[in-house]
C-alpha atoms as a PDB file:
ATOM      1  CA  MET A   1     -11.280   4.635  -8.355  1.00  0.00           C
ATOM      2  CA  ARG A   2     -13.122   6.030 -11.328  1.00  0.00           C
ATOM      3  CA  LEU A   3     -13.469   9.641 -12.272  1.00  0.00           C
ATOM      4  CA  CYS A   4     -16.441  10.594 -14.395  1.00  0.00           C
ATOM      5  CA  CYS A   5     -17.288  14.142 -15.388  1.00  0.00           C
ATOM      6  CA  THR A   6     -20.516  15.175 -17.131  1.00  0.00           C
ATOM      7  CA  ASN A   7     -21.668  18.760 -17.766  1.00  0.00           C
ATOM      8  CA  ALA A   8     -19.035  20.220 -15.432  1.00  0.00           C
ATOM      9  CA  GLN A   9     -20.161  18.018 -12.551  1.00  0.00           C
ATOM     10  CA  ALA A  10     -17.599  15.646 -11.067  1.00  0.00           C
ATOM     11  CA  SER A  11     -18.112  12.630  -8.898  1.00  0.00           C
ATOM     12  CA  LEU A  12     -15.504  10.388  -7.357  1.00  0.00           C
ATOM     13  CA  THR A  13     -16.258   6.809  -6.431  1.00  0.00           C
ATOM     14  CA  ALA A  14     -13.863   4.271  -5.047  1.00  0.00           C
ATOM     15  CA  SER A  15     -13.538   0.741  -3.843  1.00  0.00           C
ATOM     16  CA  GLY A  16     -11.514   0.984  -0.694  1.00  0.00           C
ATOM     17  CA  PRO A  17     -11.493   2.926   2.542  1.00  0.00           C
ATOM     18  CA  LEU A  18     -12.824   6.462   2.109  1.00  0.00           C
ATOM     19  CA  ALA A  19     -13.640   9.086   4.689  1.00  0.00           C
ATOM     20  CA  SER A  20     -16.796  11.126   4.207  1.00  0.00           C
ATOM     21  CA  ALA A  21     -14.762  13.966   2.670  1.00  0.00           C
ATOM     22  CA  GLY A  22     -13.284  11.621   0.046  1.00  0.00           C
ATOM     23  CA  ILE A  23      -9.951  11.180   1.836  1.00  0.00           C
ATOM     24  CA  LEU A  24      -8.349   7.740   1.757  1.00  0.00           C
ATOM     25  CA  LEU A  25      -8.066   6.211   5.212  1.00  0.00           C
ATOM     26  CA  ALA A  26      -4.919   4.343   6.195  1.00  0.00           C
ATOM     27  CA  MET A  27      -5.085   0.549   5.996  1.00  0.00           C
ATOM     28  CA  LYS A  28      -3.599  -1.006   9.114  1.00  0.00           C
ATOM     29  CA  ILE A  29      -2.045  -4.430   9.734  1.00  0.00           C
ATOM     30  CA  GLY A  30      -5.295  -5.732  11.244  1.00  0.00           C
ATOM     31  CA  GLU A  31      -7.187  -5.050   7.985  1.00  0.00           C
ATOM     32  CA  TRP A  32      -4.999  -7.234   5.746  1.00  0.00           C
ATOM     33  CA  ASP A  33      -6.625 -10.684   5.693  1.00  0.00           C
ATOM     34  CA  SER A  34      -3.832 -12.049   3.489  1.00  0.00           C
ATOM     35  CA  LEU A  35      -1.449 -11.917   6.473  1.00  0.00           C
ATOM     36  CA  GLY A  36      -3.173 -14.790   8.237  1.00  0.00           C
ATOM     37  CA  ARG A  37      -1.054 -16.070  11.112  1.00  0.00           C
ATOM     38  CA  ALA A  38       1.533 -13.283  10.879  1.00  0.00           C
ATOM     39  CA  ARG A  39      -0.923 -10.473  11.622  1.00  0.00           C
ATOM     40  CA  ALA A  40      -0.797 -10.964  15.396  1.00  0.00           C
ATOM     41  CA  VAL A  41       3.007 -11.243  15.400  1.00  0.00           C
ATOM     42  CA  LEU A  42       3.338  -7.980  13.458  1.00  0.00           C
ATOM     43  CA  GLN A  43       0.931  -6.178  15.771  1.00  0.00           C
ATOM     44  CA  ARG A  44       2.811  -7.449  18.827  1.00  0.00           C
ATOM     45  CA  GLN A  45       6.170  -6.364  17.393  1.00  0.00           C
ATOM     46  CA  LEU A  46       4.796  -2.884  16.744  1.00  0.00           C
ATOM     47  CA  GLY A  47       3.701  -2.785  20.373  1.00  0.00           C
ATOM     48  CA  GLU A  48       7.104  -3.961  21.615  1.00  0.00           C
ATOM     49  CA  LEU A  49       8.778  -1.215  19.572  1.00  0.00           C
ATOM     50  CA  GLY A  50       6.348   1.350  20.905  1.00  0.00           C
ATOM     51  CA  ALA A  51       5.793   2.403  17.300  1.00  0.00           C
ATOM     52  CA  ALA A  52       2.623   4.111  16.130  1.00  0.00           C
ATOM     53  CA  GLU A  53       1.388   2.481  12.932  1.00  0.00           C
ATOM     54  CA  LEU A  54       0.549   5.070  10.285  1.00  0.00           C
ATOM     55  CA  ALA A  55      -0.306   2.788   7.342  1.00  0.00           C
ATOM     56  CA  ALA A  56       0.503  -0.661   5.973  1.00  0.00           C
ATOM     57  CA  HIS A  57       0.553  -2.389   2.620  1.00  0.00           C
ATOM     58  CA  VAL A  58       0.806  -6.088   1.773  1.00  0.00           C
ATOM     59  CA  ALA A  59       1.878  -7.260  -1.679  1.00  0.00           C
ATOM     60  CA  LEU A  60       1.663 -10.854  -2.892  1.00  0.00           C
ATOM     61  CA  ASN A  61       4.290 -12.171  -5.289  1.00  0.00           C
ATOM     62  CA  PRO A  62       2.089 -14.388  -7.526  1.00  0.00           C
ATOM     63  CA  GLU A  63       5.068 -16.410  -8.748  1.00  0.00           C
ATOM     64  CA  ASN A  64       6.117 -17.783  -5.357  1.00  0.00           C
ATOM     65  CA  GLY A  65       3.314 -16.871  -2.924  1.00  0.00           C
ATOM     66  CA  ARG A  66       5.590 -14.744  -0.733  1.00  0.00           C
ATOM     67  CA  LEU A  67       4.235 -11.643   0.935  1.00  0.00           C
ATOM     68  CA  ARG A  68       5.991  -8.327   1.364  1.00  0.00           C
ATOM     69  CA  VAL A  69       4.675  -6.233   4.208  1.00  0.00           C
ATOM     70  CA  LEU A  70       5.536  -2.545   4.471  1.00  0.00           C
ATOM     71  CA  VAL A  71       4.495  -0.638   7.588  1.00  0.00           C
ATOM     72  CA  ALA A  72       4.969   3.108   7.904  1.00  0.00           C
ATOM     73  CA  THR A  73       5.421   4.057  11.563  1.00  0.00           C
ATOM     74  CA  ASP A  74       6.371   7.167  13.468  1.00  0.00           C
ATOM     75  CA  ILE A  75       9.902   5.781  13.973  1.00  0.00           C
ATOM     76  CA  GLY A  76      10.610   4.420  10.484  1.00  0.00           C
ATOM     77  CA  LEU A  77       9.574   2.082   7.697  1.00  0.00           C
ATOM     78  CA  LEU A  78       9.223  -1.577   8.649  1.00  0.00           C
ATOM     79  CA  ASP A  79       9.934  -3.944   5.762  1.00  0.00           C
ATOM     80  CA  TYR A  80       8.931  -7.601   6.225  1.00  0.00           C
ATOM     81  CA  HIS A  81       9.035 -10.705   4.043  1.00  0.00           C
ATOM     82  CA  TYR A  82       6.658 -13.548   4.924  1.00  0.00           C
ATOM     83  CA  GLN A  83       7.203 -16.892   3.210  1.00  0.00           C
ATOM     84  CA  PRO A  84       7.157 -20.652   3.717  1.00  0.00           C
ATOM     85  CA  THR A  85      10.372 -21.976   5.287  1.00  0.00           C
ATOM     86  CA  GLY A  86      10.274 -25.005   2.991  1.00  0.00           C
ATOM     87  CA  ALA A  87       8.540 -26.216  -0.139  1.00  0.00           C
ATOM     88  CA  ASP A  88       5.225 -26.928   1.654  1.00  0.00           C
ATOM     89  CA  PRO A  89       3.035 -23.794   1.893  1.00  0.00           C
ATOM     90  CA  GLU A  90       0.999 -25.555   4.596  1.00  0.00           C
ATOM     91  CA  GLY A  91       4.118 -25.953   6.758  1.00  0.00           C
ATOM     92  CA  PRO A  92       5.908 -23.381   8.914  1.00  0.00           C
ATOM     93  CA  TRP A  93       6.418 -19.856   7.599  1.00  0.00           C
ATOM     94  CA  SER A  94       9.222 -17.377   8.208  1.00  0.00           C
ATOM     95  CA  LEU A  95       8.671 -13.688   8.971  1.00  0.00           C
ATOM     96  CA  ARG A  96      11.811 -11.606   8.551  1.00  0.00           C
ATOM     97  CA  GLY A  97      11.864  -7.852   8.857  1.00  0.00           C
ATOM     98  CA  GLU A  98      13.947  -4.790   9.348  1.00  0.00           C
ATOM     99  CA  ILE A  99      13.302  -1.170  10.167  1.00  0.00           C
ATOM    100  CA  HIS A 100      14.617   1.646   8.015  1.00  0.00           C
ATOM    101  CA  ARG A 101      14.943   5.005   9.736  1.00  0.00           C
ATOM    102  CA  TRP A 102      13.113   7.621   7.717  1.00  0.00           C
ATOM    103  CA  ALA A 103      16.375   9.498   7.150  1.00  0.00           C
ATOM    104  CA  SER A 104      17.878   6.409   5.462  1.00  0.00           C
ATOM    105  CA  VAL A 105      15.044   5.852   2.961  1.00  0.00           C
ATOM    106  CA  ARG A 106      16.471   6.930  -0.408  1.00  0.00           C
ATOM    107  CA  GLY A 107      15.021   7.739  -3.799  1.00  0.00           C
ATOM    108  CA  LEU A 108      11.414   7.701  -2.614  1.00  0.00           C
ATOM    109  CA  ARG A 109       8.897   9.014  -5.110  1.00  0.00           C
ATOM    110  CA  LEU A 110       5.258   8.679  -6.049  1.00  0.00           C
ATOM    111  CA  GLN A 111       4.420   8.745  -9.756  1.00  0.00           C
ATOM    112  CA  THR A 112       1.128   8.785 -11.591  1.00  0.00           C
ATOM    113  CA  ASP A 113       0.100   8.305 -15.218  1.00  0.00           C
ATOM    114  CA  ALA A 114      -3.431   8.854 -16.490  1.00  0.00           C
ATOM    115  CA  GLN A 115      -5.274   8.038 -19.676  1.00  0.00           C
ATOM    116  CA  VAL A 116      -8.126  10.439 -20.459  1.00  0.00           C
ATOM    117  CA  ASP A 117     -10.864   9.847 -23.031  1.00  0.00           C
ATOM    118  CA  GLU A 118     -13.061  12.883 -23.693  1.00  0.00           C
ATOM    119  CA  GLN A 119     -16.213  12.504 -25.767  1.00  0.00           C
ATOM    120  CA  GLU A 120     -18.931  15.125 -26.213  1.00  0.00           C
ATOM    121  CA  ASP A 121     -20.139  15.884 -22.656  1.00  0.00           C
ATOM    122  CA  THR A 122     -18.340  13.072 -20.814  1.00  0.00           C
ATOM    123  CA  MET A 123     -14.847  12.216 -19.763  1.00  0.00           C
ATOM    124  CA  GLU A 124     -13.527   8.786 -18.754  1.00  0.00           C
ATOM    125  CA  ALA A 125     -10.177   8.492 -17.025  1.00  0.00           C
ATOM    126  CA  LYS A 126      -8.018   5.610 -15.811  1.00  0.00           C
ATOM    127  CA  TRP A 127      -4.784   6.041 -13.948  1.00  0.00           C
ATOM    128  CA  ILE A 128      -2.032   4.255 -12.106  1.00  0.00           C
ATOM    129  CA  TRP A 129       0.059   5.185  -9.077  1.00  0.00           C
ATOM    130  CA  ARG A 130       3.599   3.886  -8.491  1.00  0.00           C
ATOM    131  CA  LEU A 131       5.431   4.107  -5.193  1.00  0.00           C
ATOM    132  CA  ILE A 132       9.135   3.705  -5.880  1.00  0.00           C
ATOM    133  CA  ALA A 133      12.189   3.762  -3.619  1.00  0.00           C
ATOM    134  CA  GLU A 134      15.811   2.882  -4.261  1.00  0.00           C
ATOM    135  CA  ASP A 135      16.680   1.917  -0.667  1.00  0.00           C
ATOM    136  CA  PRO A 136      14.889  -0.103   0.467  1.00  0.00           C
ATOM    137  CA  LYS A 137      13.915  -1.358  -2.997  1.00  0.00           C
ATOM    138  CA  ILE A 138      10.206  -0.666  -3.432  1.00  0.00           C
ATOM    139  CA  ASP A 139       8.122  -0.754  -6.609  1.00  0.00           C
ATOM    140  CA  LEU A 140       4.391  -0.939  -5.925  1.00  0.00           C
ATOM    141  CA  THR A 141       1.580  -0.123  -8.349  1.00  0.00           C
ATOM    142  CA  ALA A 142      -2.080   0.730  -7.863  1.00  0.00           C
ATOM    143  CA  GLU A 143      -4.615   1.004 -10.667  1.00  0.00           C
ATOM    144  CA  SER A 144      -7.715   3.185 -10.574  1.00  0.00           C
ATOM    145  CA  THR A 145      -9.886   0.271 -11.721  1.00  0.00           C
ATOM    146  CA  ALA A 146      -8.390  -2.358  -9.386  1.00  0.00           C
ATOM    147  CA  SER A 147      -9.605  -3.658  -6.057  1.00  0.00           C
ATOM    148  CA  GLY A 148      -7.812  -5.230  -3.117  1.00  0.00           C
ATOM    149  CA  GLU A 149      -4.058  -4.795  -2.722  1.00  0.00           C
ATOM    150  CA  ARG A 150      -3.740  -3.173  -6.174  1.00  0.00           C
ATOM    151  CA  SER A 151      -6.319  -0.439  -5.485  1.00  0.00           C
ATOM    152  CA  PRO A 152      -5.393   3.172  -4.749  1.00  0.00           C
ATOM    153  CA  GLY A 153      -7.119   2.792  -1.375  1.00  0.00           C
ATOM    154  CA  ALA A 154      -4.618   0.108  -0.414  1.00  0.00           C
ATOM    155  CA  LEU A 155      -1.442   1.846  -1.635  1.00  0.00           C
ATOM    156  CA  LEU A 156      -1.912   5.598  -1.287  1.00  0.00           C
ATOM    157  CA  PRO A 157      -2.149   5.810   2.524  1.00  0.00           C
ATOM    158  CA  LEU A 158       1.233   4.044   2.795  1.00  0.00           C
ATOM    159  CA  ALA A 159       2.662   6.227   0.027  1.00  0.00           C
ATOM    160  CA  THR A 160       1.441   9.391   1.731  1.00  0.00           C
ATOM    161  CA  ALA A 161       2.888   8.354   5.103  1.00  0.00           C
ATOM    162  CA  CYS A 162       6.232   7.523   3.486  1.00  0.00           C
ATOM    163  CA  ILE A 163       6.402  10.788   1.556  1.00  0.00           C
ATOM    164  CA  GLU A 164       5.517  12.797   4.680  1.00  0.00           C
ATOM    165  CA  HIS A 165       8.155  11.136   6.867  1.00  0.00           C
ATOM    166  CA  ALA A 166      11.108  10.393   4.547  1.00  0.00           C
ATOM    167  CA  ARG A 167      13.749  13.105   4.520  1.00  0.00           C
END
């Protein structure tokens, strides 16, 4: 996302899902290509639970290739880890998850920091968003200039759903 203001006019552009009014749309499990084979399993488990998916986020750990999948639902926060069962990433993978009731999610907060550069008639701004929780341990970051999983469009719908439902 990039904010640019000139002569008191503001425009907001973004890479990521936007509604016509400029509202970020929730990313769902089916939209995360990085899930590969696990996508169908996750969707089936949501169906078995009878849970309505509000938003999802998938984060890749670049050091080990493991995925963390967070799914905000009407009944709680699903927290999955998807990783190879052995040393071969082409071999079988393990999907392990748990559901946290919204009332048990602790220390949840959304933080933002912005850097603003004003010059003459223009303003350039860059910012980051951080979704943090103590239990379960969550620390996700989105940058205004990023795309994919690190974009605000990927993180903020999950963050909003979590903030709305956690007590």
